[in-house]
Each structure stands twice: as C-alpha cells, then as structure tokens.
C-alpha cells in the first residue's frame, strides 16, 4: 500500500469524526538548527497529516552531556527564528530544566499537555533510531509513541521489539551541525542556515565567529 493510499483511507474515516490533533516530537540539540531540520519537519507534516512538529531543544541530552557548543537559550532562540512564519513548526522549551533530558519524560510531558485525544509521534533520524535500545527506559519509549523514521530511499534498519514505525524517505541532505560549526569557525557564510539564524550567530559571536566576521 502506498503512502498516498494510507493517507486517503485515514482521511476518509476521519471525516466521520472530529479531527484529532496529530503532533510529532522532534528532539535534538539543534546546535545550530539548519535547513535540513526544517525540510524534514515540513515533509513529515505533509506526508503524515501532522498538526504540528515540536522542535524540542535538549538542555542536557544524555548522550551528549556537556557537549553542546551554544547555550540552551541561544539554541532555543535560533529555533524560534528558524520556525518563524511556519505555524506548523513549534519551538518547545519542555526540556529546559537542569536535569538530564530523557526522552521518556519528554514524551509523557507532551502527552499530558496535548490531552488524551492527541496522537503523538516521535520524529527521528535512522542513525539515532538504530541506537534506541541504549536509551533510558527504551521499552517504555516504544510503547508510548509511534516513530516517524527519517531515512534515505532503499536504506533499511532494524526496529526494536514492540515499535510502531513509519518511514519518511527523504532526498540526501548532506549537512550536519558539526560541519556547519567548523565552517562558521573558518569565517564562512553557511547557506544551509536560515538567514535569521546566520544573523543571530554573527550578532552573538557563536561557534567561533570572529569580530571581523560579525560585521558582514
């Protein structure tokens, strides 16, 4: 069955009852947020009829403790700038606390806030999904949400027991935050960044952007 056929069947049945909110948690350090993040989120909205994608900025991710390069406040501000003008993309401060940002706690908080009628997904890259059995309380995570896994066409991965998984095939997006940080430190303008985010990085002198680069 094609994605279009699945969506058509779902939409036909949903005409008979009030539309349930459908949202996806999209977590990460977003250090910095870039165009590939936005492309993936918008594609998930289109393919799976989502009401919104929550960009959940991790304050203290368990796999990257102390490894972020910009503060939480700078990273959430960049996400807010990147999502401006796209009402289906929603920056979230739900992980702004000092404690480690475990996904199971985030999922439970989002579901409690969204209400019992909401359908909650977890939007995640295939590489991160492959490591899910190393996550804190991973079996609880797979029981709580269905996954929308971002992958390349023809790429296969192993799903953990009990997981409900939907594929989001995208074109290759050869960009990473680490590569962007390295290019910024060399004084480059980075077209893979939303212009407002690039301006913010310059104004704040983030990622090793030097004083002379900030005046561009």
C-alpha atoms as a PDB file:
ATOM      1  CA  UNK A   1       0.000   0.000   0.000  1.00  0.00           C
ATOM      2  CA  UNK A   2       1.363   3.405  -0.927  1.00  0.00           C
ATOM      3  CA  UNK A   3       1.680   6.372   1.450  1.00  0.00           C
ATOM      4  CA  UNK A   4      -0.991   8.135  -0.635  1.00  0.00           C
ATOM      5  CA  UNK A   5      -3.378   5.205  -0.236  1.00  0.00           C
ATOM      6  CA  UNK A   6      -2.783   5.046   3.512  1.00  0.00           C
ATOM      7  CA  UNK A   7      -3.395   8.757   3.865  1.00  0.00           C
ATOM      8  CA  UNK A   8      -6.524   8.633   1.698  1.00  0.00           C
ATOM      9  CA  UNK A   9      -8.015   5.848   3.807  1.00  0.00           C
ATOM     10  CA  UNK A  10      -7.193   7.646   7.034  1.00  0.00           C
ATOM     11  CA  UNK A  11      -8.666  10.928   5.869  1.00  0.00           C
ATOM     12  CA  UNK A  12     -11.870   9.269   4.652  1.00  0.00           C
ATOM     13  CA  UNK A  13     -12.500   7.671   8.052  1.00  0.00           C
ATOM     14  CA  UNK A  14     -11.619  10.858   9.911  1.00  0.00           C
ATOM     15  CA  UNK A  15     -14.304  12.814   8.061  1.00  0.00           C
ATOM     16  CA  UNK A  16     -16.810  10.926  10.181  1.00  0.00           C
ATOM     17  CA  UNK A  17     -15.443  12.190  13.496  1.00  0.00           C
ATOM     18  CA  UNK A  18     -13.739  15.310  14.896  1.00  0.00           C
ATOM     19  CA  UNK A  19     -10.136  15.608  13.746  1.00  0.00           C
ATOM     20  CA  UNK A  20      -7.697  14.509  16.448  1.00  0.00           C
ATOM     21  CA  UNK A  21      -4.545  16.600  16.929  1.00  0.00           C
ATOM     22  CA  UNK A  22      -1.563  14.826  15.405  1.00  0.00           C
ATOM     23  CA  UNK A  23       1.815  16.060  16.550  1.00  0.00           C
ATOM     24  CA  UNK A  24       5.391  14.879  16.410  1.00  0.00           C
ATOM     25  CA  UNK A  25       8.201  15.384  18.888  1.00  0.00           C
ATOM     26  CA  UNK A  26      11.406  16.335  17.060  1.00  0.00           C
ATOM     27  CA  UNK A  27      14.176  16.388  19.634  1.00  0.00           C
ATOM     28  CA  UNK A  28      17.793  17.407  19.361  1.00  0.00           C
ATOM     29  CA  UNK A  29      20.474  19.821  20.440  1.00  0.00           C
ATOM     30  CA  UNK A  30      19.904  21.964  17.311  1.00  0.00           C
ATOM     31  CA  UNK A  31      23.435  23.270  17.712  1.00  0.00           C
ATOM     32  CA  UNK A  32      22.677  25.057  15.398  1.00  0.00           C
ATOM     33  CA  UNK A  33      19.336  24.360  13.730  1.00  0.00           C
ATOM     34  CA  UNK A  34      19.689  24.236   9.925  1.00  0.00           C
ATOM     35  CA  UNK A  35      17.658  23.896   6.738  1.00  0.00           C
ATOM     36  CA  UNK A  36      17.719  20.096   6.716  1.00  0.00           C
ATOM     37  CA  UNK A  37      15.921  20.080  10.093  1.00  0.00           C
ATOM     38  CA  UNK A  38      13.210  22.325   8.649  1.00  0.00           C
ATOM     39  CA  UNK A  39      12.905  20.267   5.460  1.00  0.00           C
ATOM     40  CA  UNK A  40      12.452  17.033   7.399  1.00  0.00           C
ATOM     41  CA  UNK A  41       9.832  18.549   9.712  1.00  0.00           C
ATOM     42  CA  UNK A  42       7.818  20.045   6.851  1.00  0.00           C
ATOM     43  CA  UNK A  43       7.948  16.782   4.903  1.00  0.00           C
ATOM     44  CA  UNK A  44       6.648  14.888   7.942  1.00  0.00           C
ATOM     45  CA  UNK A  45       3.747  17.346   8.202  1.00  0.00           C
ATOM     46  CA  UNK A  46       2.866  16.773   4.536  1.00  0.00           C
ATOM     47  CA  UNK A  47       3.245  13.003   4.439  1.00  0.00           C
ATOM     48  CA  UNK A  48       1.565  12.188   7.748  1.00  0.00           C
ATOM     49  CA  UNK A  49      -1.013  14.959   8.122  1.00  0.00           C
ATOM     50  CA  UNK A  50       0.529  16.372  11.293  1.00  0.00           C
ATOM     51  CA  UNK A  51      -0.974  19.362  13.079  1.00  0.00           C
ATOM     52  CA  UNK A  52       2.476  20.387  14.304  1.00  0.00           C
ATOM     53  CA  UNK A  53       6.063  19.344  14.832  1.00  0.00           C
ATOM     54  CA  UNK A  54       7.502  20.288  18.234  1.00  0.00           C
ATOM     55  CA  UNK A  55      11.176  21.261  17.993  1.00  0.00           C
ATOM     56  CA  UNK A  56      12.202  20.085  21.469  1.00  0.00           C
ATOM     57  CA  UNK A  57      15.572  21.642  22.255  1.00  0.00           C
ATOM     58  CA  UNK A  58      17.547  19.431  24.625  1.00  0.00           C
ATOM     59  CA  UNK A  59      19.145  21.195  27.581  1.00  0.00           C
ATOM     60  CA  UNK A  60      21.200  18.210  28.802  1.00  0.00           C
ATOM     61  CA  UNK A  61      20.908  15.265  26.392  1.00  0.00           C
ATOM     62  CA  UNK A  62      22.120  12.003  27.999  1.00  0.00           C
ATOM     63  CA  UNK A  63      24.322  11.041  25.041  1.00  0.00           C
ATOM     64  CA  UNK A  64      25.932  14.500  24.785  1.00  0.00           C
ATOM     65  CA  UNK A  65      26.330  15.715  28.366  1.00  0.00           C
ATOM     66  CA  UNK A  66      28.460  18.872  28.351  1.00  0.00           C
ATOM     67  CA  UNK A  67      28.981  18.603  24.590  1.00  0.00           C
ATOM     68  CA  UNK A  68      26.764  21.427  23.340  1.00  0.00           C
ATOM     69  CA  UNK A  69      28.569  24.437  21.852  1.00  0.00           C
ATOM     70  CA  UNK A  70      25.912  27.103  22.435  1.00  0.00           C
ATOM     71  CA  UNK A  71      23.765  27.715  25.494  1.00  0.00           C
ATOM     72  CA  UNK A  72      20.208  26.428  25.734  1.00  0.00           C
ATOM     73  CA  UNK A  73      18.897  29.995  25.448  1.00  0.00           C
ATOM     74  CA  UNK A  74      20.885  30.646  22.273  1.00  0.00           C
ATOM     75  CA  UNK A  75      19.798  27.351  20.742  1.00  0.00           C
ATOM     76  CA  UNK A  76      16.090  27.867  21.532  1.00  0.00           C
ATOM     77  CA  UNK A  77      16.308  31.404  20.138  1.00  0.00           C
ATOM     78  CA  UNK A  78      17.775  30.089  16.888  1.00  0.00           C
ATOM     79  CA  UNK A  79      14.988  27.518  16.637  1.00  0.00           C
ATOM     80  CA  UNK A  80      12.401  30.247  17.239  1.00  0.00           C
ATOM     81  CA  UNK A  81      13.925  32.306  14.421  1.00  0.00           C
ATOM     82  CA  UNK A  82      14.072  29.299  12.083  1.00  0.00           C
ATOM     83  CA  UNK A  83      10.434  28.346  12.720  1.00  0.00           C
ATOM     84  CA  UNK A  84       9.046  31.879  12.440  1.00  0.00           C
ATOM     85  CA  UNK A  85       6.415  32.114   9.710  1.00  0.00           C
ATOM     86  CA  UNK A  86       5.705  28.349   9.735  1.00  0.00           C
ATOM     87  CA  UNK A  87       2.830  27.833  12.202  1.00  0.00           C
ATOM     88  CA  UNK A  88       3.087  24.046  11.893  1.00  0.00           C
ATOM     89  CA  UNK A  89       6.609  24.188  13.386  1.00  0.00           C
ATOM     90  CA  UNK A  90       6.573  24.882  17.118  1.00  0.00           C
ATOM     91  CA  UNK A  91       9.682  25.560  19.253  1.00  0.00           C
ATOM     92  CA  UNK A  92       9.431  23.860  22.651  1.00  0.00           C
ATOM     93  CA  UNK A  93      11.126  24.647  25.979  1.00  0.00           C
ATOM     94  CA  UNK A  94       9.859  21.473  27.631  1.00  0.00           C
ATOM     95  CA  UNK A  95      13.430  20.219  28.247  1.00  0.00           C
ATOM     96  CA  UNK A  96      14.867  23.492  29.560  1.00  0.00           C
ATOM     97  CA  UNK A  97      15.410  22.137  33.072  1.00  0.00           C
ATOM     98  CA  UNK A  98      18.816  21.309  34.576  1.00  0.00           C
ATOM     99  CA  UNK A  99      18.105  17.573  34.765  1.00  0.00           C
ATOM    100  CA  UNK A 100      19.151  15.152  32.027  1.00  0.00           C
ATOM    101  CA  UNK A 101      16.693  15.306  29.106  1.00  0.00           C
ATOM    102  CA  UNK A 102      15.393  11.747  28.916  1.00  0.00           C
ATOM    103  CA  UNK A 103      13.007  11.131  26.017  1.00  0.00           C
ATOM    104  CA  UNK A 104      10.528   9.115  28.077  1.00  0.00           C
ATOM    105  CA  UNK A 105       9.954  12.078  30.399  1.00  0.00           C
ATOM    106  CA  UNK A 106       9.569  14.456  27.465  1.00  0.00           C
ATOM    107  CA  UNK A 107       7.047  12.160  25.789  1.00  0.00           C
ATOM    108  CA  UNK A 108       4.995  11.885  28.959  1.00  0.00           C
ATOM    109  CA  UNK A 109       5.009  15.666  29.473  1.00  0.00           C
ATOM    110  CA  UNK A 110       3.965  16.312  25.871  1.00  0.00           C
ATOM    111  CA  UNK A 111       1.151  13.762  26.057  1.00  0.00           C
ATOM    112  CA  UNK A 112      -0.106  15.200  29.348  1.00  0.00           C
ATOM    113  CA  UNK A 113      -0.149  18.702  27.843  1.00  0.00           C
ATOM    114  CA  UNK A 114      -1.648  17.678  24.487  1.00  0.00           C
ATOM    115  CA  UNK A 115      -4.502  15.707  26.048  1.00  0.00           C
ATOM    116  CA  UNK A 116      -5.859  12.201  25.648  1.00  0.00           C
ATOM    117  CA  UNK A 117      -7.233  12.853  22.144  1.00  0.00           C
ATOM    118  CA  UNK A 118      -3.854  13.760  20.674  1.00  0.00           C
ATOM    119  CA  UNK A 119      -1.886  11.319  18.545  1.00  0.00           C
ATOM    120  CA  UNK A 120       1.816  11.729  19.364  1.00  0.00           C
ATOM    121  CA  UNK A 121       4.680  10.578  17.148  1.00  0.00           C
ATOM    122  CA  UNK A 122       8.448  10.752  17.582  1.00  0.00           C
ATOM    123  CA  UNK A 123      10.334  12.107  14.554  1.00  0.00           C
ATOM    124  CA  UNK A 124      13.864  10.727  14.473  1.00  0.00           C
ATOM    125  CA  UNK A 125      16.750  10.045  12.120  1.00  0.00           C
ATOM    126  CA  UNK A 126      17.546   6.462  11.162  1.00  0.00           C
ATOM    127  CA  UNK A 127      21.026   6.581  12.765  1.00  0.00           C
ATOM    128  CA  UNK A 128      19.619   7.682  16.136  1.00  0.00           C
ATOM    129  CA  UNK A 129      16.770   5.182  15.853  1.00  0.00           C
ATOM    130  CA  UNK A 130      19.291   2.368  15.363  1.00  0.00           C
ATOM    131  CA  UNK A 131      20.624   3.122  18.872  1.00  0.00           C
ATOM    132  CA  UNK A 132      17.261   3.342  20.591  1.00  0.00           C
ATOM    133  CA  UNK A 133      17.821   0.223  22.699  1.00  0.00           C
ATOM    134  CA  UNK A 134      20.589   2.129  24.503  1.00  0.00           C
ATOM    135  CA  UNK A 135      18.111   4.813  25.641  1.00  0.00           C
ATOM    136  CA  UNK A 136      16.881   5.212  29.209  1.00  0.00           C
ATOM    137  CA  UNK A 137      13.686   3.096  29.579  1.00  0.00           C
ATOM    138  CA  UNK A 138      13.665   2.424  25.846  1.00  0.00           C
ATOM    139  CA  UNK A 139      10.925  -0.220  26.066  1.00  0.00           C
ATOM    140  CA  UNK A 140       8.636   2.360  27.679  1.00  0.00           C
ATOM    141  CA  UNK A 141       9.502   4.817  24.917  1.00  0.00           C
ATOM    142  CA  UNK A 142       8.439   2.419  22.155  1.00  0.00           C
ATOM    143  CA  UNK A 143       5.176   1.698  23.978  1.00  0.00           C
ATOM    144  CA  UNK A 144       4.325   5.381  24.363  1.00  0.00           C
ATOM    145  CA  UNK A 145       4.730   6.642  20.779  1.00  0.00           C
ATOM    146  CA  UNK A 146       4.887   5.625  17.146  1.00  0.00           C
ATOM    147  CA  UNK A 147       8.058   6.615  15.280  1.00  0.00           C
ATOM    148  CA  UNK A 148       8.478   8.503  12.035  1.00  0.00           C
ATOM    149  CA  UNK A 149      11.975   7.490  10.989  1.00  0.00           C
ATOM    150  CA  UNK A 150      13.842   9.724   8.547  1.00  0.00           C
ATOM    151  CA  UNK A 151      15.848   7.652   6.131  1.00  0.00           C
ATOM    152  CA  UNK A 152      17.125   7.504   2.579  1.00  0.00           C
ATOM    153  CA  UNK A 153      15.225   5.545  -0.078  1.00  0.00           C
ATOM    154  CA  UNK A 154      16.468   1.973  -0.135  1.00  0.00           C
ATOM    155  CA  UNK A 155      18.027   2.239   3.337  1.00  0.00           C
ATOM    156  CA  UNK A 156      16.943  -0.443   5.820  1.00  0.00           C
ATOM    157  CA  UNK A 157      17.180  -0.592   9.605  1.00  0.00           C
ATOM    158  CA  UNK A 158      16.217  -2.932  12.424  1.00  0.00           C
ATOM    159  CA  UNK A 159      13.178  -1.951  14.511  1.00  0.00           C
ATOM    160  CA  UNK A 160      13.232  -2.854  18.223  1.00  0.00           C
ATOM    161  CA  UNK A 161      10.576  -5.235  19.565  1.00  0.00           C
ATOM    162  CA  UNK A 162       7.176  -3.592  20.001  1.00  0.00           C
ATOM    163  CA  UNK A 163       7.950  -0.447  17.986  1.00  0.00           C
ATOM    164  CA  UNK A 164       5.452   1.068  15.557  1.00  0.00           C
ATOM    165  CA  UNK A 165       7.457   2.628  12.753  1.00  0.00           C
ATOM    166  CA  UNK A 166       6.604   4.767   9.721  1.00  0.00           C
ATOM    167  CA  UNK A 167       9.247   5.647   7.155  1.00  0.00           C
ATOM    168  CA  UNK A 168       9.924   9.163   5.959  1.00  0.00           C
ATOM    169  CA  UNK A 169      12.053   8.774   2.861  1.00  0.00           C
ATOM    170  CA  UNK A 170      13.893  11.972   2.015  1.00  0.00           C
ATOM    171  CA  UNK A 171      16.431  13.031  -0.527  1.00  0.00           C
ATOM    172  CA  UNK A 172      20.009  13.030   0.711  1.00  0.00           C
ATOM    173  CA  UNK A 173      20.597  16.070   2.907  1.00  0.00           C
ATOM    174  CA  UNK A 174      24.393  16.054   3.315  1.00  0.00           C
ATOM    175  CA  UNK A 175      24.631  18.591   6.097  1.00  0.00           C
ATOM    176  CA  UNK A 176      25.399  18.287   9.799  1.00  0.00           C
ATOM    177  CA  UNK A 177      25.587  20.732  12.666  1.00  0.00           C
ATOM    178  CA  UNK A 178      29.212  19.748  13.341  1.00  0.00           C
ATOM    179  CA  UNK A 179      30.201  20.541   9.754  1.00  0.00           C
ATOM    180  CA  UNK A 180      28.348  23.864   9.958  1.00  0.00           C
ATOM    181  CA  UNK A 181      30.155  24.785  13.195  1.00  0.00           C
ATOM    182  CA  UNK A 182      33.523  24.058  11.598  1.00  0.00           C
ATOM    183  CA  UNK A 183      32.702  26.229   8.579  1.00  0.00           C
ATOM    184  CA  UNK A 184      31.470  29.056  10.788  1.00  0.00           C
ATOM    185  CA  UNK A 185      34.722  28.966  12.779  1.00  0.00           C
ATOM    186  CA  UNK A 186      36.597  29.394   9.473  1.00  0.00           C
ATOM    187  CA  UNK A 187      34.619  32.575   8.781  1.00  0.00           C
ATOM    188  CA  UNK A 188      32.312  31.160   6.102  1.00  0.00           C
ATOM    189  CA  UNK A 189      28.767  32.187   5.420  1.00  0.00           C
ATOM    190  CA  UNK A 190      26.731  28.961   5.525  1.00  0.00           C
ATOM    191  CA  UNK A 191      23.786  28.841   3.083  1.00  0.00           C
ATOM    192  CA  UNK A 192      22.365  25.784   4.857  1.00  0.00           C
ATOM    193  CA  UNK A 193      21.420  28.067   7.766  1.00  0.00           C
ATOM    194  CA  UNK A 194      18.221  30.140   7.675  1.00  0.00           C
ATOM    195  CA  UNK A 195      19.296  33.775   7.145  1.00  0.00           C
ATOM    196  CA  UNK A 196      17.860  34.893  10.502  1.00  0.00           C
ATOM    197  CA  UNK A 197      19.861  32.167  12.248  1.00  0.00           C
ATOM    198  CA  UNK A 198      23.053  33.199  10.446  1.00  0.00           C
ATOM    199  CA  UNK A 199      22.472  36.806  11.528  1.00  0.00           C
ATOM    200  CA  UNK A 200      21.896  35.724  15.130  1.00  0.00           C
ATOM    201  CA  UNK A 201      25.112  33.681  15.176  1.00  0.00           C
ATOM    202  CA  UNK A 202      27.067  36.682  13.896  1.00  0.00           C
ATOM    203  CA  UNK A 203      25.457  39.060  16.375  1.00  0.00           C
ATOM    204  CA  UNK A 204      26.203  36.739  19.308  1.00  0.00           C
ATOM    205  CA  UNK A 205      29.643  35.633  18.118  1.00  0.00           C
ATOM    206  CA  UNK A 206      28.690  31.944  18.408  1.00  0.00           C
ATOM    207  CA  UNK A 207      30.726  28.966  17.194  1.00  0.00           C
ATOM    208  CA  UNK A 208      33.984  30.869  16.946  1.00  0.00           C
ATOM    209  CA  UNK A 209      32.677  33.571  14.627  1.00  0.00           C
ATOM    210  CA  UNK A 210      35.306  36.304  14.940  1.00  0.00           C
ATOM    211  CA  UNK A 211      34.686  40.008  15.399  1.00  0.00           C
ATOM    212  CA  UNK A 212      35.603  40.810  11.792  1.00  0.00           C
ATOM    213  CA  UNK A 213      33.128  38.187  10.541  1.00  0.00           C
ATOM    214  CA  UNK A 214      30.335  39.624  12.706  1.00  0.00           C
ATOM    215  CA  UNK A 215      30.281  42.884  10.747  1.00  0.00           C
ATOM    216  CA  UNK A 216      29.305  41.243   7.399  1.00  0.00           C
END
